[in-house]
Amino acid sequence: MSLREEARAWLEEQLSTTFAHVRGLGGPGREHEGHAARHAWERHLGKARWTCLSWPEEYGGRAADLAGQIAFYEEYARADAPARVGHIGEGLIGPTILEFGTAEQKARFLPGIQSGEELWCQGYSEPEAGSDLANVQTRAEISGDEWVVTGQKVWTSLAHVADWCFVLCRTGKGDEKHRGLSYLLVPMDQPGVEVRPIVQLTGTSEFNEVFFDGARTAAGNILGAPGDGWRVAMATLGYERGASTLGQQIGFRRELQKVIETAGRTGAARDPVLRDRLVQAWLELEVMRLNALRDPQSPITKLYWSEWHRRLGELAQETLGRAGLVAEGGELGDLQRLYLFSRADTIYAGSSEIQRNLIAERTLGLPR
């Protein structure tokens, strides 16, 4: 049995029986749905070794190649499985620990990520350091056998449920920009860490402000050497995009189908211009898949899918017509939520403006 067949059979069985109640939970603008149940599902995935597929077997993975990872993510999306709560650990900090971590750090942190027991968040952005990440001002100083961290992070996804945060902070004296940065692993459940939710357009609060006021972590909880944080942080960003993009597109296809059905129901499909736009969206989705298969980590791929999804959100709202302006019973519908949330796609994980700069400078060789 291939990995795809194995995943399909396992997902169908689990999501039709023991975990039928988690099917379809979560997702953009719905991060609040069933967190405890989805965390239990995450642990169940880990026990069955369906997390961290690309990791070496000695760390609980399956050493799956890119084709195997794509197969799983596509089957996961087709099964309408719940949005993952451990994706930051599995997709970002886990691979970074594998690359830069000591034997002790791997033994301490990787099992909790693979099992789904410990959840992570990312401490990068600050009020004055968004796209200009090298401008971070959060500072850490060594005190005995601990780092003491003081500063503020913002747009920190899932900080309110995370056990750990990987924090890019300034540890050098008088250093500026890329120099003097370090990459620390900081426990969230301690005095000196305050999490404040940020309400999104959808009315939910996936991301947060995080304030560190003398928060502490062991001196050994640093990835790489002191002052080498920029190199480690860039490696983490390199892991942010990958095979999961192909699974994401199954969800996009489901959303597009719902927009098409809504256009037929509301009569919007009678407009020939809108019909053309629906066809164009379908064609662009096919192109998106081919591009992602060729290079899932390219800035072109990220720019393409985020702008496409934003346009789909606008198209969804147009198919709803005037009814789209009203939240029935105070609750947003799926297409209204798509419209409000999809704007964020062009900002997080590298804004469209930054992606265009990367393409211009690194691919086309244009001057900075």
Foldseek 3Di string as FASTA:
>chain_A
DDLLVVLLVVLVVCCVPVLVVQQQADDFLRPVGPPVSLLVVQLVCLVVQVALQCDDVVLSHVVDDQVSLLSNLQSCLVSSGHDHQLCCVRQFVVVLCVVFNDPVVSVPPSNCSSSSNFHEKEFFADPVDAVLRLQDAWEWEDDPFKIWIFDKGWQIFPLVPGQKYWHWHAYDDPDGGLFRIWTFIFGQPDPQWDWAFDQAPSRDGRITMIGGDRGIDGNSRTGDDGGNHNVSVVVSLLSNWGSSVSSVLSVVVVLLVVLVVLLVVQVVCVPVVLVVVSVVLVVLSVVLNVVCVVPRRALVSLLSVLVSQQVSLVSSLVSCPPVLVDAVVPHHDPSNSSNRRSVCSCRPSAHNVRSVVCCCCVVVVHDD
